[in-house]
PDB file of N, CA and C in Angstrom:
ATOM      1  N   MET A   1     215.169 135.661 191.518  1.00  0.00           N
ATOM      2  CA  MET A   1     214.785 136.735 190.812  1.00  0.00           C
ATOM      3  C   MET A   1     214.095 137.669 192.050  1.00  0.00           C
ATOM      4  N   PRO A   2     214.213 138.685 192.269  1.00  0.00           N
ATOM      5  CA  PRO A   2     213.393 139.303 193.174  1.00  0.00           C
ATOM      6  C   PRO A   2     211.987 139.695 192.866  1.00  0.00           C
ATOM      7  N   LYS A   3     211.117 140.042 193.615  1.00  0.00           N
ATOM      8  CA  LYS A   3     209.525 140.563 193.238  1.00  0.00           C
ATOM      9  C   LYS A   3     209.778 141.692 192.491  1.00  0.00           C
ATOM     10  N   MET A   4     208.941 141.926 191.514  1.00  0.00           N
ATOM     11  CA  MET A   4     208.803 143.008 190.559  1.00  0.00           C
ATOM     12  C   MET A   4     208.065 144.081 191.712  1.00  0.00           C
ATOM     13  N   LYS A   5     208.442 145.252 191.514  1.00  0.00           N
ATOM     14  CA  LYS A   5     207.841 146.577 192.451  1.00  0.00           C
ATOM     15  C   LYS A   5     207.072 147.278 191.471  1.00  0.00           C
ATOM     16  N   SER A   6     205.946 147.655 192.176  1.00  0.00           N
ATOM     17  CA  SER A   6     204.817 148.415 191.392  1.00  0.00           C
ATOM     18  C   SER A   6     205.422 149.730 191.587  1.00  0.00           C
ATOM     19  N   HIS A   7     204.836 150.585 190.550  1.00  0.00           N
ATOM     20  CA  HIS A   7     205.333 152.196 190.721  1.00  0.00           C
ATOM     21  C   HIS A   7     203.981 152.657 191.438  1.00  0.00           C
ATOM     22  N   ARG A   8     204.674 153.265 192.714  1.00  0.00           N
ATOM     23  CA  ARG A   8     203.680 153.328 193.870  1.00  0.00           C
ATOM     24  C   ARG A   8     202.965 154.597 193.528  1.00  0.00           C
ATOM     25  N   GLY A   9     203.342 155.722 192.721  1.00  0.00           N
ATOM     26  CA  GLY A   9     202.756 156.679 192.410  1.00  0.00           C
ATOM     27  C   GLY A   9     201.411 156.065 191.709  1.00  0.00           C
ATOM     28  N   ALA A  10     201.635 155.587 190.614  1.00  0.00           N
ATOM     29  CA  ALA A  10     200.893 155.037 189.333  1.00  0.00           C
ATOM     30  C   ALA A  10     199.660 153.835 190.483  1.00  0.00           C
ATOM     31  N   ALA A  11     200.339 153.169 191.480  1.00  0.00           N
ATOM     32  CA  ALA A  11     199.202 152.404 192.130  1.00  0.00           C
ATOM     33  C   ALA A  11     198.283 153.124 192.823  1.00  0.00           C
ATOM     34  N   LYS A  12     198.522 154.422 193.308  1.00  0.00           N
ATOM     35  CA  LYS A  12     197.654 155.258 194.313  1.00  0.00           C
ATOM     36  C   LYS A  12     196.531 155.968 193.161  1.00  0.00           C
ATOM     37  N   ARG A  13     197.121 155.891 192.144  1.00  0.00           N
ATOM     38  CA  ARG A  13     195.949 156.385 190.743  1.00  0.00           C
ATOM     39  C   ARG A  13     195.384 155.850 189.936  1.00  0.00           C
ATOM     40  N   PHE A  14     195.712 154.498 189.926  1.00  0.00           N
ATOM     41  CA  PHE A  14     194.987 153.656 188.733  1.00  0.00           C
ATOM     42  C   PHE A  14     194.696 151.983 189.402  1.00  0.00           C
ATOM     43  N   LYS A  15     193.855 151.356 189.124  1.00  0.00           N
ATOM     44  CA  LYS A  15     193.545 150.189 189.045  1.00  0.00           C
ATOM     45  C   LYS A  15     193.115 149.428 187.957  1.00  0.00           C
ATOM     46  N   LYS A  16     193.408 147.907 188.354  1.00  0.00           N
ATOM     47  CA  LYS A  16     193.170 147.277 186.907  1.00  0.00           C
ATOM     48  C   LYS A  16     191.839 146.804 187.065  1.00  0.00           C
ATOM     49  N   THR A  17     191.060 146.342 186.347  1.00  0.00           N
ATOM     50  CA  THR A  17     189.840 145.594 186.399  1.00  0.00           C
ATOM     51  C   THR A  17     190.201 144.400 186.274  1.00  0.00           C
ATOM     52  N   GLY A  18     188.942 143.352 186.238  1.00  0.00           N
ATOM     53  CA  GLY A  18     189.215 142.084 185.989  1.00  0.00           C
ATOM     54  C   GLY A  18     189.822 141.420 184.833  1.00  0.00           C
ATOM     55  N   THR A  19     189.321 142.530 183.609  1.00  0.00           N
ATOM     56  CA  THR A  19     189.699 141.771 182.435  1.00  0.00           C
ATOM     57  C   THR A  19     190.851 142.530 181.816  1.00  0.00           C
ATOM     58  N   GLY A  20     191.825 143.399 182.961  1.00  0.00           N
ATOM     59  CA  GLY A  20     192.848 143.847 182.355  1.00  0.00           C
ATOM     60  C   GLY A  20     193.039 145.344 181.917  1.00  0.00           C
ATOM     61  N   LYS A  21     191.795 146.106 181.847  1.00  0.00           N
ATOM     62  CA  LYS A  21     191.868 147.379 181.857  1.00  0.00           C
ATOM     63  C   LYS A  21     192.237 148.484 182.879  1.00  0.00           C
ATOM     64  N   VAL A  22     192.591 149.471 182.738  1.00  0.00           N
ATOM     65  CA  VAL A  22     193.047 150.297 183.540  1.00  0.00           C
ATOM     66  C   VAL A  22     192.128 151.505 184.008  1.00  0.00           C
ATOM     67  N   VAL A  23     191.710 151.691 185.148  1.00  0.00           N
ATOM     68  CA  VAL A  23     190.704 152.690 185.502  1.00  0.00           C
ATOM     69  C   VAL A  23     191.188 153.937 186.464  1.00  0.00           C
ATOM     70  N   ARG A  24     191.003 155.048 185.862  1.00  0.00           N
ATOM     71  CA  ARG A  24     191.541 156.276 186.452  1.00  0.00           C
ATOM     72  C   ARG A  24     190.339 157.064 187.049  1.00  0.00           C
ATOM     73  N   MET A  25     190.224 157.821 187.855  1.00  0.00           N
ATOM     74  CA  MET A  25     189.386 158.824 188.146  1.00  0.00           C
ATOM     75  C   MET A  25     189.556 160.065 187.018  1.00  0.00           C
ATOM     76  N   LYS A  26     188.568 160.963 186.977  1.00  0.00           N
ATOM     77  CA  LYS A  26     188.544 161.990 186.288  1.00  0.00           C
ATOM     78  C   LYS A  26     189.293 163.403 186.836  1.00  0.00           C
ATOM     79  N   SER A  27     189.832 164.326 186.132  1.00  0.00           N
ATOM     80  CA  SER A  27     190.782 165.156 186.775  1.00  0.00           C
ATOM     81  C   SER A  27     189.507 166.198 186.878  1.00  0.00           C
ATOM     82  N   GLY A  28     189.895 167.487 187.983  1.00  0.00           N
ATOM     83  CA  GLY A  28     189.172 168.828 187.888  1.00  0.00           C
ATOM     84  C   GLY A  28     188.076 168.736 188.896  1.00  0.00           C
ATOM     85  N   LYS A  29     188.417 167.697 189.930  1.00  0.00           N
ATOM     86  CA  LYS A  29     187.340 167.656 191.050  1.00  0.00           C
ATOM     87  C   LYS A  29     187.969 168.044 192.629  1.00  0.00           C
ATOM     88  N   SER A  30     189.044 168.555 192.536  1.00  0.00           N
ATOM     89  CA  SER A  30     189.843 168.643 193.713  1.00  0.00           C
ATOM     90  C   SER A  30     189.742 170.182 194.382  1.00  0.00           C
ATOM     91  N   HIS A  31     189.592 171.250 193.550  1.00  0.00           N
ATOM     92  CA  HIS A  31     189.264 172.408 194.025  1.00  0.00           C
ATOM     93  C   HIS A  31     188.690 173.576 192.698  1.00  0.00           C
ATOM     94  N   ILE A  32     188.425 175.024 193.366  1.00  0.00           N
ATOM     95  CA  ILE A  32     187.816 175.714 192.510  1.00  0.00           C
ATOM     96  C   ILE A  32     186.477 175.177 191.896  1.00  0.00           C
ATOM     97  N   LEU A  33     185.581 174.722 192.754  1.00  0.00           N
ATOM     98  CA  LEU A  33     184.327 173.760 192.618  1.00  0.00           C
ATOM     99  C   LEU A  33     183.024 174.860 192.247  1.00  0.00           C
ATOM    100  N   THR A  34     183.188 176.008 192.686  1.00  0.00           N
ATOM    101  CA  THR A  34     182.279 176.853 192.959  1.00  0.00           C
ATOM    102  C   THR A  34     181.584 177.387 191.789  1.00  0.00           C
ATOM    103  N   LYS A  35     182.556 177.723 190.849  1.00  0.00           N
ATOM    104  CA  LYS A  35     182.141 177.833 189.204  1.00  0.00           C
ATOM    105  C   LYS A  35     181.555 176.567 188.574  1.00  0.00           C
ATOM    106  N   LYS A  36     181.811 175.663 188.925  1.00  0.00           N
ATOM    107  CA  LYS A  36     181.547 174.635 188.117  1.00  0.00           C
ATOM    108  C   LYS A  36     180.118 173.725 188.557  1.00  0.00           C
ATOM    109  N   SER A  37     179.315 173.733 187.555  1.00  0.00           N
ATOM    110  CA  SER A  37     177.980 173.389 187.437  1.00  0.00           C
ATOM    111  C   SER A  37     177.542 171.812 188.301  1.00  0.00           C
ATOM    112  N   ARG A  38     176.605 171.881 188.778  1.00  0.00           N
ATOM    113  CA  ARG A  38     176.001 170.699 189.783  1.00  0.00           C
ATOM    114  C   ARG A  38     176.474 169.458 188.909  1.00  0.00           C
ATOM    115  N   LYS A  39     176.125 169.256 187.470  1.00  0.00           N
ATOM    116  CA  LYS A  39     175.978 168.362 186.516  1.00  0.00           C
ATOM    117  C   LYS A  39     177.338 168.076 186.574  1.00  0.00           C
ATOM    118  N   ARG A  40     178.412 168.929 186.124  1.00  0.00           N
ATOM    119  CA  ARG A  40     179.757 168.877 185.802  1.00  0.00           C
ATOM    120  C   ARG A  40     180.286 168.156 186.961  1.00  0.00           C
ATOM    121  N   LYS A  41     180.057 168.443 188.132  1.00  0.00           N
ATOM    122  CA  LYS A  41     180.604 167.881 189.095  1.00  0.00           C
ATOM    123  C   LYS A  41     180.177 166.494 189.524  1.00  0.00           C
ATOM    124  N   ARG A  42     178.962 166.419 188.948  1.00  0.00           N
ATOM    125  CA  ARG A  42     178.292 165.076 189.352  1.00  0.00           C
ATOM    126  C   ARG A  42     179.010 163.946 188.259  1.00  0.00           C
ATOM    127  N   ARG A  43     179.203 164.510 186.858  1.00  0.00           N
ATOM    128  CA  ARG A  43     180.090 163.443 186.132  1.00  0.00           C
ATOM    129  C   ARG A  43     181.447 163.411 186.192  1.00  0.00           C
ATOM    130  N   LEU A  44     182.088 164.302 186.842  1.00  0.00           N
ATOM    131  CA  LEU A  44     183.396 163.966 187.431  1.00  0.00           C
ATOM    132  C   LEU A  44     183.679 163.062 188.925  1.00  0.00           C
ATOM    133  N   ARG A  45     182.417 162.760 189.302  1.00  0.00           N
ATOM    134  CA  ARG A  45     182.460 161.744 190.510  1.00  0.00           C
ATOM    135  C   ARG A  45     182.924 159.923 189.933  1.00  0.00           C
ATOM    136  N   LYS A  46     182.473 159.996 188.788  1.00  0.00           N
ATOM    137  CA  LYS A  46     182.661 158.533 188.023  1.00  0.00           C
ATOM    138  C   LYS A  46     183.856 158.421 187.385  1.00  0.00           C
ATOM    139  N   ASP A  47     184.357 157.364 187.724  1.00  0.00           N
ATOM    140  CA  ASP A  47     185.826 156.863 186.937  1.00  0.00           C
ATOM    141  C   ASP A  47     185.428 156.546 185.700  1.00  0.00           C
ATOM    142  N   ALA A  48     186.534 156.533 185.054  1.00  0.00           N
ATOM    143  CA  ALA A  48     186.945 156.509 183.389  1.00  0.00           C
ATOM    144  C   ALA A  48     187.899 155.112 182.782  1.00  0.00           C
ATOM    145  N   ILE A  49     187.984 155.032 181.946  1.00  0.00           N
ATOM    146  CA  ILE A  49     189.332 153.721 181.585  1.00  0.00           C
ATOM    147  C   ILE A  49     190.152 154.515 181.167  1.00  0.00           C
ATOM    148  N   ALA A  50     191.439 154.301 181.199  1.00  0.00           N
ATOM    149  CA  ALA A  50     192.439 154.963 180.554  1.00  0.00           C
ATOM    150  C   ALA A  50     192.472 154.517 179.207  1.00  0.00           C
ATOM    151  N   SER A  51     193.041 155.381 178.251  1.00  0.00           N
ATOM    152  CA  SER A  51     193.259 155.269 176.861  1.00  0.00           C
ATOM    153  C   SER A  51     194.238 154.148 176.367  1.00  0.00           C
ATOM    154  N   SER A  52     194.038 153.641 175.283  1.00  0.00           N
ATOM    155  CA  SER A  52     194.743 152.411 175.314  1.00  0.00           C
ATOM    156  C   SER A  52     196.379 153.027 175.091  1.00  0.00           C
ATOM    157  N   ALA A  53     196.704 153.954 174.602  1.00  0.00           N
ATOM    158  CA  ALA A  53     197.736 154.233 174.634  1.00  0.00           C
ATOM    159  C   ALA A  53     198.732 154.597 175.868  1.00  0.00           C
ATOM    160  N   ASP A  54     197.876 154.967 176.809  1.00  0.00           N
ATOM    161  CA  ASP A  54     198.265 155.431 178.182  1.00  0.00           C
ATOM    162  C   ASP A  54     198.491 154.079 179.090  1.00  0.00           C
ATOM    163  N   SER A  55     197.355 152.884 178.693  1.00  0.00           N
ATOM    164  CA  SER A  55     197.270 151.712 179.340  1.00  0.00           C
ATOM    165  C   SER A  55     198.567 150.333 179.461  1.00  0.00           C
ATOM    166  N   LYS A  56     198.984 151.227 177.934  1.00  0.00           N
ATOM    167  CA  LYS A  56     199.949 149.944 177.520  1.00  0.00           C
ATOM    168  C   LYS A  56     201.124 150.483 178.710  1.00  0.00           C
ATOM    169  N   ARG A  57     201.579 151.579 178.760  1.00  0.00           N
ATOM    170  CA  ARG A  57     202.751 151.921 179.823  1.00  0.00           C
ATOM    171  C   ARG A  57     202.236 151.552 181.326  1.00  0.00           C
ATOM    172  N   LEU A  58     200.728 151.944 181.660  1.00  0.00           N
ATOM    173  CA  LEU A  58     200.509 151.425 183.012  1.00  0.00           C
ATOM    174  C   LEU A  58     200.544 149.881 182.958  1.00  0.00           C
ATOM    175  N   GLN A  59     200.503 149.111 182.390  1.00  0.00           N
ATOM    176  CA  GLN A  59     200.260 147.626 182.208  1.00  0.00           C
ATOM    177  C   GLN A  59     202.166 147.399 182.959  1.00  0.00           C
ATOM    178  N   LEU A  60     202.812 147.835 182.616  1.00  0.00           N
ATOM    179  CA  LEU A  60     204.348 147.748 183.124  1.00  0.00           C
ATOM    180  C   LEU A  60     204.505 148.475 184.257  1.00  0.00           C
ATOM    181  N   MET A  61     203.921 149.642 184.777  1.00  0.00           N
ATOM    182  CA  MET A  61     204.038 150.224 186.044  1.00  0.00           C
ATOM    183  C   MET A  61     203.332 149.925 186.677  1.00  0.00           C
ATOM    184  N   LEU A  62     202.202 148.581 186.648  1.00  0.00           N
ATOM    185  CA  LEU A  62     201.450 148.041 187.640  1.00  0.00           C
ATOM    186  C   LEU A  62     201.555 146.590 187.388  1.00  0.00           C
ATOM    187  N   PRO A  63     202.388 145.716 187.757  1.00  0.00           N
ATOM    188  CA  PRO A  63     202.623 143.966 187.613  1.00  0.00           C
ATOM    189  C   PRO A  63     201.763 143.495 188.185  1.00  0.00           C
TER     190      PRO A  63
END
């Protein structure tokens, strides 16, 4: 049987942690940054854990 291919779009956006959770970056940090406060932009730097509903689908995309 051939190797499973990972979904390349998902592989660029998400990572799996050691425990199997899926990590994502927060949205809203790419443009229109002048009107956003420093505090808001600082919070957007940190990554977040994907929701359980999304992570079930992402497990299949990232073998």
